[in-house]
Amino acid sequence: GLLALTVATAACTTADPAAAPTTSPSAGPTTAPSASPTAAPSASRTG
């Protein structure tokens, strides 16, 4: 579904498998886009 949305940007994209993550945390469940709120900010109030 996400890839189907990229048609509009196909002209300015390239395959780049080298863009791999530098860390490998465990993967959680994938969630489809939905009308849900943004998670609350997690930054400390001290700066």
ModelCIF file with pLDDT and N, C-alpha, C, O atoms, coordinates in Angstrom:
data_MODEL
#
_entry.id   MODEL 
#
_entity.id                         1 
_entity.type                       polymer 
_entity.pdbx_number_of_molecules   1 
#
_entity_poly.entity_id                      1 
_entity_poly.type                           'polypeptide(L)' 
_entity_poly.nstd_linkage                   no 
_entity_poly.nstd_monomer                   no 
_entity_poly.pdbx_seq_one_letter_code       GLLALTVATAACTTADPAAAPTTSPSAGPTTAPSASPTAAPSASRTG 
_entity_poly.pdbx_seq_one_letter_code_can   GLLALTVATAACTTADPAAAPTTSPSAGPTTAPSASPTAAPSASRTG 
_entity_poly.pdbx_strand_id                 A 
#
loop_
_entity_poly_seq.entity_id 
_entity_poly_seq.num 
_entity_poly_seq.mon_id 
_entity_poly_seq.hetero 
1 1  GLY n 
1 2  LEU n 
1 3  LEU n 
1 4  ALA n 
1 5  LEU n 
1 6  THR n 
1 7  VAL n 
1 8  ALA n 
1 9  THR n 
1 10 ALA n 
1 11 ALA n 
1 12 CYS n 
1 13 THR n 
1 14 THR n 
1 15 ALA n 
1 16 ASP n 
1 17 PRO n 
1 18 ALA n 
1 19 ALA n 
1 20 ALA n 
1 21 PRO n 
1 22 THR n 
1 23 THR n 
1 24 SER n 
1 25 PRO n 
1 26 SER n 
1 27 ALA n 
1 28 GLY n 
1 29 PRO n 
1 30 THR n 
1 31 THR n 
1 32 ALA n 
1 33 PRO n 
1 34 SER n 
1 35 ALA n 
1 36 SER n 
1 37 PRO n 
1 38 THR n 
1 39 ALA n 
1 40 ALA n 
1 41 PRO n 
1 42 SER n 
1 43 ALA n 
1 44 SER n 
1 45 ARG n 
1 46 THR n 
1 47 GLY n 
#
_struct_asym.id          A 
_struct_asym.entity_id   1 
#
loop_
_ma_qa_metric.id 
_ma_qa_metric.mode 
_ma_qa_metric.name 
_ma_qa_metric.software_group_id 
_ma_qa_metric.type 
1 global pLDDT . pLDDT 
2 local  pLDDT . pLDDT 
#
_ma_qa_metric_global.metric_id      1 
_ma_qa_metric_global.metric_value   43.94 
_ma_qa_metric_global.model_id       1 
_ma_qa_metric_global.ordinal_id     1 
#
loop_
_ma_qa_metric_local.label_asym_id 
_ma_qa_metric_local.label_comp_id 
_ma_qa_metric_local.label_seq_id 
_ma_qa_metric_local.metric_id 
_ma_qa_metric_local.metric_value 
_ma_qa_metric_local.model_id 
_ma_qa_metric_local.ordinal_id 
A GLY 1  2 55.00 1 1  
A LEU 2  2 53.00 1 2  
A LEU 3  2 48.00 1 3  
A ALA 4  2 47.00 1 4  
A LEU 5  2 47.00 1 5  
A THR 6  2 44.00 1 6  
A VAL 7  2 36.00 1 7  
A ALA 8  2 36.00 1 8  
A THR 9  2 38.00 1 9  
A ALA 10 2 34.00 1 10 
A ALA 11 2 32.00 1 11 
A CYS 12 2 38.00 1 12 
A THR 13 2 37.00 1 13 
A THR 14 2 36.00 1 14 
A ALA 15 2 34.00 1 15 
A ASP 16 2 37.00 1 16 
A PRO 17 2 33.00 1 17 
A ALA 18 2 34.00 1 18 
A ALA 19 2 38.00 1 19 
A ALA 20 2 40.00 1 20 
A PRO 21 2 37.00 1 21 
A THR 22 2 38.00 1 22 
A THR 23 2 35.00 1 23 
A SER 24 2 33.00 1 24 
A PRO 25 2 33.00 1 25 
A SER 26 2 33.00 1 26 
A ALA 27 2 34.00 1 27 
A GLY 28 2 36.00 1 28 
A PRO 29 2 35.00 1 29 
A THR 30 2 39.00 1 30 
A THR 31 2 41.00 1 31 
A ALA 32 2 41.00 1 32 
A PRO 33 2 41.00 1 33 
A SER 34 2 44.00 1 34 
A ALA 35 2 45.00 1 35 
A SER 36 2 50.00 1 36 
A PRO 37 2 59.00 1 37 
A THR 38 2 69.00 1 38 
A ALA 39 2 73.00 1 39 
A ALA 40 2 77.00 1 40 
A PRO 41 2 72.00 1 41 
A SER 42 2 59.00 1 42 
A ALA 43 2 45.00 1 43 
A SER 44 2 45.00 1 44 
A ARG 45 2 51.00 1 45 
A THR 46 2 48.00 1 46 
A GLY 47 2 55.00 1 47 
#
loop_
_atom_site.group_PDB 
_atom_site.id 
_atom_site.type_symbol 
_atom_site.label_atom_id 
_atom_site.label_alt_id 
_atom_site.label_comp_id 
_atom_site.label_asym_id 
_atom_site.label_entity_id 
_atom_site.label_seq_id 
_atom_site.pdbx_PDB_ins_code 
_atom_site.Cartn_x 
_atom_site.Cartn_y 
_atom_site.Cartn_z 
_atom_site.occupancy 
_atom_site.B_iso_or_equiv 
_atom_site.pdbx_formal_charge 
_atom_site.auth_seq_id 
_atom_site.auth_comp_id 
_atom_site.auth_asym_id 
_atom_site.auth_atom_id 
_atom_site.pdbx_PDB_model_num 
ATOM 1   N N  . GLY A 1 1  ? 0.819  -1.211 0.000   1.00 55.00 ? 1  GLY A N  1 
ATOM 2   C CA . GLY A 1 1  ? 0.000  0.000  0.000   1.00 55.00 ? 1  GLY A CA 1 
ATOM 3   C C  . GLY A 1 1  ? 0.846  1.251  0.000   1.00 55.00 ? 1  GLY A C  1 
ATOM 4   O O  . GLY A 1 1  ? 0.534  2.223  -0.688  1.00 55.00 ? 1  GLY A O  1 
ATOM 5   N N  . LEU A 1 2  ? 1.927  1.227  0.779   1.00 53.00 ? 2  LEU A N  1 
ATOM 6   C CA . LEU A 1 2  ? 2.825  2.384  0.815   1.00 53.00 ? 2  LEU A CA 1 
ATOM 7   C C  . LEU A 1 2  ? 3.532  2.569  -0.521  1.00 53.00 ? 2  LEU A C  1 
ATOM 8   O O  . LEU A 1 2  ? 3.665  3.692  -1.007  1.00 53.00 ? 2  LEU A O  1 
ATOM 9   N N  . LEU A 1 3  ? 3.984  1.470  -1.112  1.00 48.00 ? 3  LEU A N  1 
ATOM 10  C CA . LEU A 1 3  ? 4.664  1.576  -2.393  1.00 48.00 ? 3  LEU A CA 1 
ATOM 11  C C  . LEU A 1 3  ? 3.738  2.108  -3.471  1.00 48.00 ? 3  LEU A C  1 
ATOM 12  O O  . LEU A 1 3  ? 4.171  2.824  -4.374  1.00 48.00 ? 3  LEU A O  1 
ATOM 13  N N  . ALA A 1 4  ? 2.458  1.755  -3.376  1.00 47.00 ? 4  ALA A N  1 
ATOM 14  C CA . ALA A 1 4  ? 1.512  2.255  -4.369  1.00 47.00 ? 4  ALA A CA 1 
ATOM 15  C C  . ALA A 1 4  ? 1.392  3.767  -4.315  1.00 47.00 ? 4  ALA A C  1 
ATOM 16  O O  . ALA A 1 4  ? 1.065  4.409  -5.313  1.00 47.00 ? 4  ALA A O  1 
ATOM 17  N N  . LEU A 1 5  ? 1.658  4.333  -3.141  1.00 47.00 ? 5  LEU A N  1 
ATOM 18  C CA . LEU A 1 5  ? 1.563  5.775  -2.993  1.00 47.00 ? 5  LEU A CA 1 
ATOM 19  C C  . LEU A 1 5  ? 2.771  6.513  -3.560  1.00 47.00 ? 5  LEU A C  1 
ATOM 20  O O  . LEU A 1 5  ? 2.753  7.739  -3.671  1.00 47.00 ? 5  LEU A O  1 
ATOM 21  N N  . THR A 1 6  ? 3.818  5.776  -3.919  1.00 44.00 ? 6  THR A N  1 
ATOM 22  C CA . THR A 1 6  ? 5.047  6.443  -4.346  1.00 44.00 ? 6  THR A CA 1 
ATOM 23  C C  . THR A 1 6  ? 5.097  6.722  -5.837  1.00 44.00 ? 6  THR A C  1 
ATOM 24  O O  . THR A 1 6  ? 6.108  7.212  -6.341  1.00 44.00 ? 6  THR A O  1 
ATOM 25  N N  . VAL A 1 7  ? 4.017  6.417  -6.548  1.00 36.00 ? 7  VAL A N  1 
ATOM 26  C CA . VAL A 1 7  ? 4.023  6.641  -7.989  1.00 36.00 ? 7  VAL A CA 1 
ATOM 27  C C  . VAL A 1 7  ? 4.387  8.085  -8.311  1.00 36.00 ? 7  VAL A C  1 
ATOM 28  O O  . VAL A 1 7  ? 5.145  8.349  -9.243  1.00 36.00 ? 7  VAL A O  1 
ATOM 29  N N  . ALA A 1 8  ? 3.847  9.008  -7.542  1.00 36.00 ? 8  ALA A N  1 
ATOM 30  C CA . ALA A 1 8  ? 4.075  10.430 -7.834  1.00 36.00 ? 8  ALA A CA 1 
ATOM 31  C C  . ALA A 1 8  ? 5.529  10.830 -7.671  1.00 36.00 ? 8  ALA A C  1 
ATOM 32  O O  . ALA A 1 8  ? 5.965  11.818 -8.261  1.00 36.00 ? 8  ALA A O  1 
ATOM 33  N N  . THR A 1 9  ? 6.298  10.073 -6.874  1.00 38.00 ? 9  THR A N  1 
ATOM 34  C CA . THR A 1 9  ? 7.699  10.448 -6.652  1.00 38.00 ? 9  THR A CA 1 
ATOM 35  C C  . THR A 1 9  ? 8.664  9.533  -7.376  1.00 38.00 ? 9  THR A C  1 
ATOM 36  O O  . THR A 1 9  ? 9.876  9.650  -7.196  1.00 38.00 ? 9  THR A O  1 
ATOM 37  N N  . ALA A 1 10 ? 8.145  8.609  -8.205  1.00 34.00 ? 10 ALA A N  1 
ATOM 38  C CA . ALA A 1 10 ? 9.017  7.633  -8.846  1.00 34.00 ? 10 ALA A CA 1 
ATOM 39  C C  . ALA A 1 10 ? 10.087 8.296  -9.702  1.00 34.00 ? 10 ALA A C  1 
ATOM 40  O O  . ALA A 1 10 ? 11.203 7.787  -9.805  1.00 34.00 ? 10 ALA A O  1 
ATOM 41  N N  . ALA A 1 11 ? 9.758  9.418  -10.311 1.00 32.00 ? 11 ALA A N  1 
ATOM 42  C CA . ALA A 1 11 ? 10.711 10.067 -11.214 1.00 32.00 ? 11 ALA A CA 1 
ATOM 43  C C  . ALA A 1 11 ? 11.918 10.615 -10.476 1.00 32.00 ? 11 ALA A C  1 
ATOM 44  O O  . ALA A 1 11 ? 12.954 10.861 -11.094 1.00 32.00 ? 11 ALA A O  1 
ATOM 45  N N  . CYS A 1 12 ? 11.810 10.813 -9.166  1.00 38.00 ? 12 CYS A N  1 
ATOM 46  C CA . CYS A 1 12 ? 12.946 11.384 -8.433  1.00 38.00 ? 12 CYS A CA 1 
ATOM 47  C C  . CYS A 1 12 ? 13.434 10.435 -7.349  1.00 38.00 ? 12 CYS A C  1 
ATOM 48  O O  . CYS A 1 12 ? 13.948 10.880 -6.323  1.00 38.00 ? 12 CYS A O  1 
ATOM 49  N N  . THR A 1 13 ? 13.278 9.126  -7.566  1.00 37.00 ? 13 THR A N  1 
ATOM 50  C CA . THR A 1 13 ? 13.754 8.156  -6.593  1.00 37.00 ? 13 THR A CA 1 
ATOM 51  C C  . THR A 1 13 ? 14.662 7.148  -7.259  1.00 37.00 ? 13 THR A C  1 
ATOM 52  O O  . THR A 1 13 ? 14.591 6.936  -8.470  1.00 37.00 ? 13 THR A O  1 
ATOM 53  N N  . THR A 1 14 ? 15.522 6.522  -6.460  1.00 36.00 ? 14 THR A N  1 
ATOM 54  C CA . THR A 1 14 ? 16.383 5.458  -6.942  1.00 36.00 ? 14 THR A CA 1 
ATOM 55  C C  . THR A 1 14 ? 16.416 4.350  -5.918  1.00 36.00 ? 14 THR A C  1 
ATOM 56  O O  . THR A 1 14 ? 16.214 4.585  -4.727  1.00 36.00 ? 14 THR A O  1 
ATOM 57  N N  . ALA A 1 15 ? 16.670 3.149  -6.380  1.00 34.00 ? 15 ALA A N  1 
ATOM 58  C CA . ALA A 1 15 ? 16.868 2.044  -5.440  1.00 34.00 ? 15 ALA A CA 1 
ATOM 59  C C  . ALA A 1 15 ? 18.211 2.234  -4.764  1.00 34.00 ? 15 ALA A C  1 
ATOM 60  O O  . ALA A 1 15 ? 19.213 2.498  -5.428  1.00 34.00 ? 15 ALA A O  1 
ATOM 61  N N  . ASP A 1 16 ? 18.235 2.102  -3.445  1.00 37.00 ? 16 ASP A N  1 
ATOM 62  C CA . ASP A 1 16 ? 19.476 2.316  -2.704  1.00 37.00 ? 16 ASP A CA 1 
ATOM 63  C C  . ASP A 1 16 ? 19.511 1.381  -1.512  1.00 37.00 ? 16 ASP A C  1 
ATOM 64  O O  . ASP A 1 16 ? 19.325 1.827  -0.380  1.00 37.00 ? 16 ASP A O  1 
ATOM 65  N N  . PRO A 1 17 ? 19.744 0.095  -1.737  1.00 33.00 ? 17 PRO A N  1 
ATOM 66  C CA . PRO A 1 17 ? 19.762 -0.848 -0.628  1.00 33.00 ? 17 PRO A CA 1 
ATOM 67  C C  . PRO A 1 17 ? 20.852 -0.536 0.382   1.00 33.00 ? 17 PRO A C  1 
ATOM 68  O O  . PRO A 1 17 ? 20.815 -1.051 1.499   1.00 33.00 ? 17 PRO A O  1 
ATOM 69  N N  . ALA A 1 18 ? 21.823 0.294  0.018   1.00 34.00 ? 18 ALA A N  1 
ATOM 70  C CA . ALA A 1 18 ? 22.917 0.589  0.950   1.00 34.00 ? 18 ALA A CA 1 
ATOM 71  C C  . ALA A 1 18 ? 22.483 1.453  2.112   1.00 34.00 ? 18 ALA A C  1 
ATOM 72  O O  . ALA A 1 18 ? 23.224 1.614  3.081   1.00 34.00 ? 18 ALA A O  1 
ATOM 73  N N  . ALA A 1 19 ? 21.265 2.021  2.023   1.00 38.00 ? 19 ALA A N  1 
ATOM 74  C CA . ALA A 1 19 ? 20.796 2.886  3.110   1.00 38.00 ? 19 ALA A CA 1 
ATOM 75  C C  . ALA A 1 19 ? 20.283 2.024  4.245   1.00 38.00 ? 19 ALA A C  1 
ATOM 76  O O  . ALA A 1 19 ? 19.101 2.074  4.583   1.00 38.00 ? 19 ALA A O  1 
ATOM 77  N N  . ALA A 1 20 ? 21.143 1.253  4.819   1.00 40.00 ? 20 ALA A N  1 
ATOM 78  C CA . ALA A 1 20 ? 20.757 0.319  5.873   1.00 40.00 ? 20 ALA A CA 1 
ATOM 79  C C  . ALA A 1 20 ? 20.899 0.980  7.226   1.00 40.00 ? 20 ALA A C  1 
ATOM 80  O O  . ALA A 1 20 ? 21.677 1.923  7.370   1.00 40.00 ? 20 ALA A O  1 
ATOM 81  N N  . PRO A 1 21 ? 20.161 0.506  8.227   1.00 37.00 ? 21 PRO A N  1 
ATOM 82  C CA . PRO A 1 21 ? 20.254 1.090  9.562   1.00 37.00 ? 21 PRO A CA 1 
ATOM 83  C C  . PRO A 1 21 ? 21.594 0.771  10.202  1.00 37.00 ? 21 PRO A C  1 
ATOM 84  O O  . PRO A 1 21 ? 22.224 -0.239 9.891   1.00 37.00 ? 21 PRO A O  1 
ATOM 85  N N  . THR A 1 22 ? 22.013 1.642  11.092  1.00 38.00 ? 22 THR A N  1 
ATOM 86  C CA . THR A 1 22 ? 23.264 1.407  11.801  1.00 38.00 ? 22 THR A CA 1 
ATOM 87  C C  . THR A 1 22 ? 23.045 0.565  13.042  1.00 38.00 ? 22 THR A C  1 
ATOM 88  O O  . THR A 1 22 ? 24.006 0.059  13.620  1.00 38.00 ? 22 THR A O  1 
ATOM 89  N N  . THR A 1 23 ? 21.797 0.404  13.463  1.00 35.00 ? 23 THR A N  1 
ATOM 90  C CA . THR A 1 23 ? 21.472 -0.438 14.603  1.00 35.00 ? 23 THR A CA 1 
ATOM 91  C C  . THR A 1 23 ? 20.358 -1.370 14.194  1.00 35.00 ? 23 THR A C  1 
ATOM 92  O O  . THR A 1 23 ? 19.708 -1.156 13.170  1.00 35.00 ? 23 THR A O  1 
ATOM 93  N N  . SER A 1 24 ? 20.131 -2.395 14.979  1.00 33.00 ? 24 SER A N  1 
ATOM 94  C CA . SER A 1 24 ? 19.115 -3.388 14.614  1.00 33.00 ? 24 SER A CA 1 
ATOM 95  C C  . SER A 1 24 ? 18.239 -3.743 15.799  1.00 33.00 ? 24 SER A C  1 
ATOM 96  O O  . SER A 1 24 ? 18.308 -4.868 16.294  1.00 33.00 ? 24 SER A O  1 
ATOM 97  N N  . PRO A 1 25 ? 17.403 -2.802 16.275  1.00 33.00 ? 25 PRO A N  1 
ATOM 98  C CA . PRO A 1 25 ? 16.480 -3.131 17.338  1.00 33.00 ? 25 PRO A CA 1 
ATOM 99  C C  . PRO A 1 25 ? 15.450 -4.112 16.837  1.00 33.00 ? 25 PRO A C  1 
ATOM 100 O O  . PRO A 1 25 ? 15.219 -4.221 15.633  1.00 33.00 ? 25 PRO A O  1 
ATOM 101 N N  . SER A 1 26 ? 14.828 -4.827 17.758  1.00 33.00 ? 26 SER A N  1 
ATOM 102 C CA . SER A 1 26 ? 13.816 -5.793 17.351  1.00 33.00 ? 26 SER A CA 1 
ATOM 103 C C  . SER A 1 26 ? 12.649 -5.088 16.702  1.00 33.00 ? 26 SER A C  1 
ATOM 104 O O  . SER A 1 26 ? 12.257 -3.990 17.098  1.00 33.00 ? 26 SER A O  1 
ATOM 105 N N  . ALA A 1 27 ? 12.102 -5.749 15.692  1.00 34.00 ? 27 ALA A N  1 
ATOM 106 C CA . ALA A 1 27 ? 11.006 -5.141 14.942  1.00 34.00 ? 27 ALA A CA 1 
ATOM 107 C C  . ALA A 1 27 ? 9.686  -5.390 15.632  1.00 34.00 ? 27 ALA A C  1 
ATOM 108 O O  . ALA A 1 27 ? 9.384  -6.515 16.029  1.00 34.00 ? 27 ALA A O  1 
ATOM 109 N N  . GLY A 1 28 ? 8.900  -4.337 15.775  1.00 36.00 ? 28 GLY A N  1 
ATOM 110 C CA . GLY A 1 28 ? 7.559  -4.464 16.318  1.00 36.00 ? 28 GLY A CA 1 
ATOM 111 C C  . GLY A 1 28 ? 6.568  -4.665 15.203  1.00 36.00 ? 28 GLY A C  1 
ATOM 112 O O  . GLY A 1 28 ? 6.968  -4.775 14.044  1.00 36.00 ? 28 GLY A O  1 
ATOM 113 N N  . PRO A 1 29 ? 5.268  -4.717 15.515  1.00 35.00 ? 29 PRO A N  1 
ATOM 114 C CA . PRO A 1 29 ? 4.265  -4.930 14.487  1.00 35.00 ? 29 PRO A CA 1 
ATOM 115 C C  . PRO A 1 29 ? 4.146  -3.734 13.564  1.00 35.00 ? 29 PRO A C  1 
ATOM 116 O O  . PRO A 1 29 ? 4.278  -2.587 13.992  1.00 35.00 ? 29 PRO A O  1 
ATOM 117 N N  . THR A 1 30 ? 3.895  -4.014 12.289  1.00 39.00 ? 30 THR A N  1 
ATOM 118 C CA . THR A 1 30 ? 3.630  -2.956 11.328  1.00 39.00 ? 30 THR A CA 1 
ATOM 119 C C  . THR A 1 30 ? 2.188  -2.507 11.464  1.00 39.00 ? 30 THR A C  1 
ATOM 120 O O  . THR A 1 30 ? 1.286  -3.336 11.580  1.00 39.00 ? 30 THR A O  1 
ATOM 121 N N  . THR A 1 31 ? 1.967  -1.207 11.450  1.00 41.00 ? 31 THR A N  1 
ATOM 122 C CA . THR A 1 31 ? 0.620  -0.682 11.585  1.00 41.00 ? 31 THR A CA 1 
ATOM 123 C C  . THR A 1 31 ? 0.262  0.108  10.359  1.00 41.00 ? 31 THR A C  1 
ATOM 124 O O  . THR A 1 31 ? 1.038  0.951  9.909   1.00 41.00 ? 31 THR A O  1 
ATOM 125 N N  . ALA A 1 32 ? -0.903 -0.153 9.812   1.00 41.00 ? 32 ALA A N  1 
ATOM 126 C CA . ALA A 1 32 ? -1.342 0.590  8.643   1.00 41.00 ? 32 ALA A CA 1 
ATOM 127 C C  . ALA A 1 32 ? -1.683 2.014  9.013   1.00 41.00 ? 32 ALA A C  1 
ATOM 128 O O  . ALA A 1 32 ? -2.027 2.276  10.165  1.00 41.00 ? 32 ALA A O  1 
ATOM 129 N N  . PRO A 1 33 ? -1.601 2.960  8.063   1.00 41.00 ? 33 PRO A N  1 
ATOM 130 C CA . PRO A 1 33 ? -1.983 4.338  8.348   1.00 41.00 ? 33 PRO A CA 1 
ATOM 131 C C  . PRO A 1 33 ? -3.422 4.405  8.827   1.00 41.00 ? 33 PRO A C  1 
ATOM 132 O O  . PRO A 1 33 ? -4.294 3.729  8.282   1.00 41.00 ? 33 PRO A O  1 
ATOM 133 N N  . SER A 1 34 ? -3.670 5.214  9.836   1.00 44.00 ? 34 SER A N  1 
ATOM 134 C CA . SER A 1 34 ? -5.021 5.380  10.363  1.00 44.00 ? 34 SER A CA 1 
ATOM 135 C C  . SER A 1 34 ? -5.143 6.754  10.965  1.00 44.00 ? 34 SER A C  1 
ATOM 136 O O  . SER A 1 34 ? -4.141 7.436  11.176  1.00 44.00 ? 34 SER A O  1 
ATOM 137 N N  . ALA A 1 35 ? -6.374 7.172  11.246  1.00 45.00 ? 35 ALA A N  1 
ATOM 138 C CA . ALA A 1 35 ? -6.596 8.493  11.825  1.00 45.00 ? 35 ALA A CA 1 
ATOM 139 C C  . ALA A 1 35 ? -6.365 8.430  13.320  1.00 45.00 ? 35 ALA A C  1 
ATOM 140 O O  . ALA A 1 35 ? -7.316 8.510  14.097  1.00 45.00 ? 35 ALA A O  1 
ATOM 141 N N  . SER A 1 36 ? -5.142 8.291  13.726  1.00 50.00 ? 36 SER A N  1 
ATOM 142 C CA . SER A 1 36 ? -4.794 8.205  15.138  1.00 50.00 ? 36 SER A CA 1 
ATOM 143 C C  . SER A 1 36 ? -3.942 9.392  15.517  1.00 50.00 ? 36 SER A C  1 
ATOM 144 O O  . SER A 1 36 ? -3.266 9.959  14.658  1.00 50.00 ? 36 SER A O  1 
ATOM 145 N N  . PRO A 1 37 ? -3.953 9.791  16.795  1.00 59.00 ? 37 PRO A N  1 
ATOM 146 C CA . PRO A 1 37 ? -3.194 10.966 17.206  1.00 59.00 ? 37 PRO A CA 1 
ATOM 147 C C  . PRO A 1 37 ? -1.712 10.680 17.271  1.00 59.00 ? 37 PRO A C  1 
ATOM 148 O O  . PRO A 1 37 ? -1.285 9.530  17.373  1.00 59.00 ? 37 PRO A O  1 
ATOM 149 N N  . THR A 1 38 ? -0.942 11.736 17.210  1.00 69.00 ? 38 THR A N  1 
ATOM 150 C CA . THR A 1 38 ? 0.493  11.617 17.389  1.00 69.00 ? 38 THR A CA 1 
ATOM 151 C C  . THR A 1 38 ? 0.796  11.275 18.837  1.00 69.00 ? 38 THR A C  1 
ATOM 152 O O  . THR A 1 38 ? 0.129  11.761 19.750  1.00 69.00 ? 38 THR A O  1 
ATOM 153 N N  . ALA A 1 39 ? 1.795  10.447 19.042  1.00 73.00 ? 39 ALA A N  1 
ATOM 154 C CA . ALA A 1 39 ? 2.197  10.133 20.405  1.00 73.00 ? 39 ALA A CA 1 
ATOM 155 C C  . ALA A 1 39 ? 2.644  11.399 21.114  1.00 73.00 ? 39 ALA A C  1 
ATOM 156 O O  . ALA A 1 39 ? 3.175  12.319 20.491  1.00 73.00 ? 39 ALA A O  1 
ATOM 157 N N  . ALA A 1 40 ? 2.426  11.440 22.420  1.00 77.00 ? 40 ALA A N  1 
ATOM 158 C CA . ALA A 1 40 ? 2.802  12.623 23.187  1.00 77.00 ? 40 ALA A CA 1 
ATOM 159 C C  . ALA A 1 40 ? 4.306  12.828 23.123  1.00 77.00 ? 40 ALA A C  1 
ATOM 160 O O  . ALA A 1 40 ? 5.061  11.857 23.088  1.00 77.00 ? 40 ALA A O  1 
ATOM 161 N N  . PRO A 1 41 ? 4.750  14.075 23.107  1.00 72.00 ? 41 PRO A N  1 
ATOM 162 C CA . PRO A 1 41 ? 6.193  14.338 23.103  1.00 72.00 ? 41 PRO A CA 1 
ATOM 163 C C  . PRO A 1 41 ? 6.863  13.671 24.285  1.00 72.00 ? 41 PRO A C  1 
ATOM 164 O O  . PRO A 1 41 ? 6.296  13.595 25.374  1.00 72.00 ? 41 PRO A O  1 
ATOM 165 N N  . SER A 1 42 ? 8.076  13.188 24.063  1.00 59.00 ? 42 SER A N  1 
ATOM 166 C CA . SER A 1 42 ? 8.773  12.492 25.131  1.00 59.00 ? 42 SER A CA 1 
ATOM 167 C C  . SER A 1 42 ? 9.986  13.248 25.659  1.00 59.00 ? 42 SER A C  1 
ATOM 168 O O  . SER A 1 42 ? 10.683 12.761 26.549  1.00 59.00 ? 42 SER A O  1 
ATOM 169 N N  . ALA A 1 43 ? 10.238 14.425 25.121  1.00 45.00 ? 43 ALA A N  1 
ATOM 170 C CA . ALA A 1 43 ? 11.415 15.180 25.557  1.00 45.00 ? 43 ALA A CA 1 
ATOM 171 C C  . ALA A 1 43 ? 11.283 15.625 27.003  1.00 45.00 ? 43 ALA A C  1 
ATOM 172 O O  . ALA A 1 43 ? 10.180 15.896 27.478  1.00 45.00 ? 43 ALA A O  1 
ATOM 173 N N  . SER A 1 44 ? 12.394 15.699 27.694  1.00 45.00 ? 44 SER A N  1 
ATOM 174 C CA . SER A 1 44 ? 12.408 16.144 29.081  1.00 45.00 ? 44 SER A CA 1 
ATOM 175 C C  . SER A 1 44 ? 12.072 17.617 29.196  1.00 45.00 ? 44 SER A C  1 
ATOM 176 O O  . SER A 1 44 ? 12.430 18.405 28.322  1.00 45.00 ? 44 SER A O  1 
ATOM 177 N N  . ARG A 1 45 ? 11.387 17.997 30.266  1.00 51.00 ? 45 ARG A N  1 
ATOM 178 C CA . ARG A 1 45 ? 11.059 19.400 30.486  1.00 51.00 ? 45 ARG A CA 1 
ATOM 179 C C  . ARG A 1 45 ? 12.275 20.182 30.968  1.00 51.00 ? 45 ARG A C  1 
ATOM 180 O O  . ARG A 1 45 ? 12.183 21.396 31.150  1.00 51.00 ? 45 ARG A O  1 
ATOM 181 N N  . THR A 1 46 ? 13.398 19.530 31.177  1.00 48.00 ? 46 THR A N  1 
ATOM 182 C CA . THR A 1 46 ? 14.575 20.242 31.673  1.00 48.00 ? 46 THR A CA 1 
ATOM 183 C C  . THR A 1 46 ? 15.521 20.650 30.562  1.00 48.00 ? 46 THR A C  1 
ATOM 184 O O  . THR A 1 46 ? 16.626 21.120 30.833  1.00 48.00 ? 46 THR A O  1 
ATOM 185 N N  . GLY A 1 47 ? 15.103 20.476 29.308  1.00 55.00 ? 47 GLY A N  1 
ATOM 186 C CA . GLY A 1 47 ? 15.963 20.998 28.263  1.00 55.00 ? 47 GLY A CA 1 
ATOM 187 C C  . GLY A 1 47 ? 16.077 20.154 27.028  1.00 55.00 ? 47 GLY A C  1 
ATOM 188 O O  . GLY A 1 47 ? 16.786 20.522 26.092  1.00 55.00 ? 47 GLY A O  1 
#
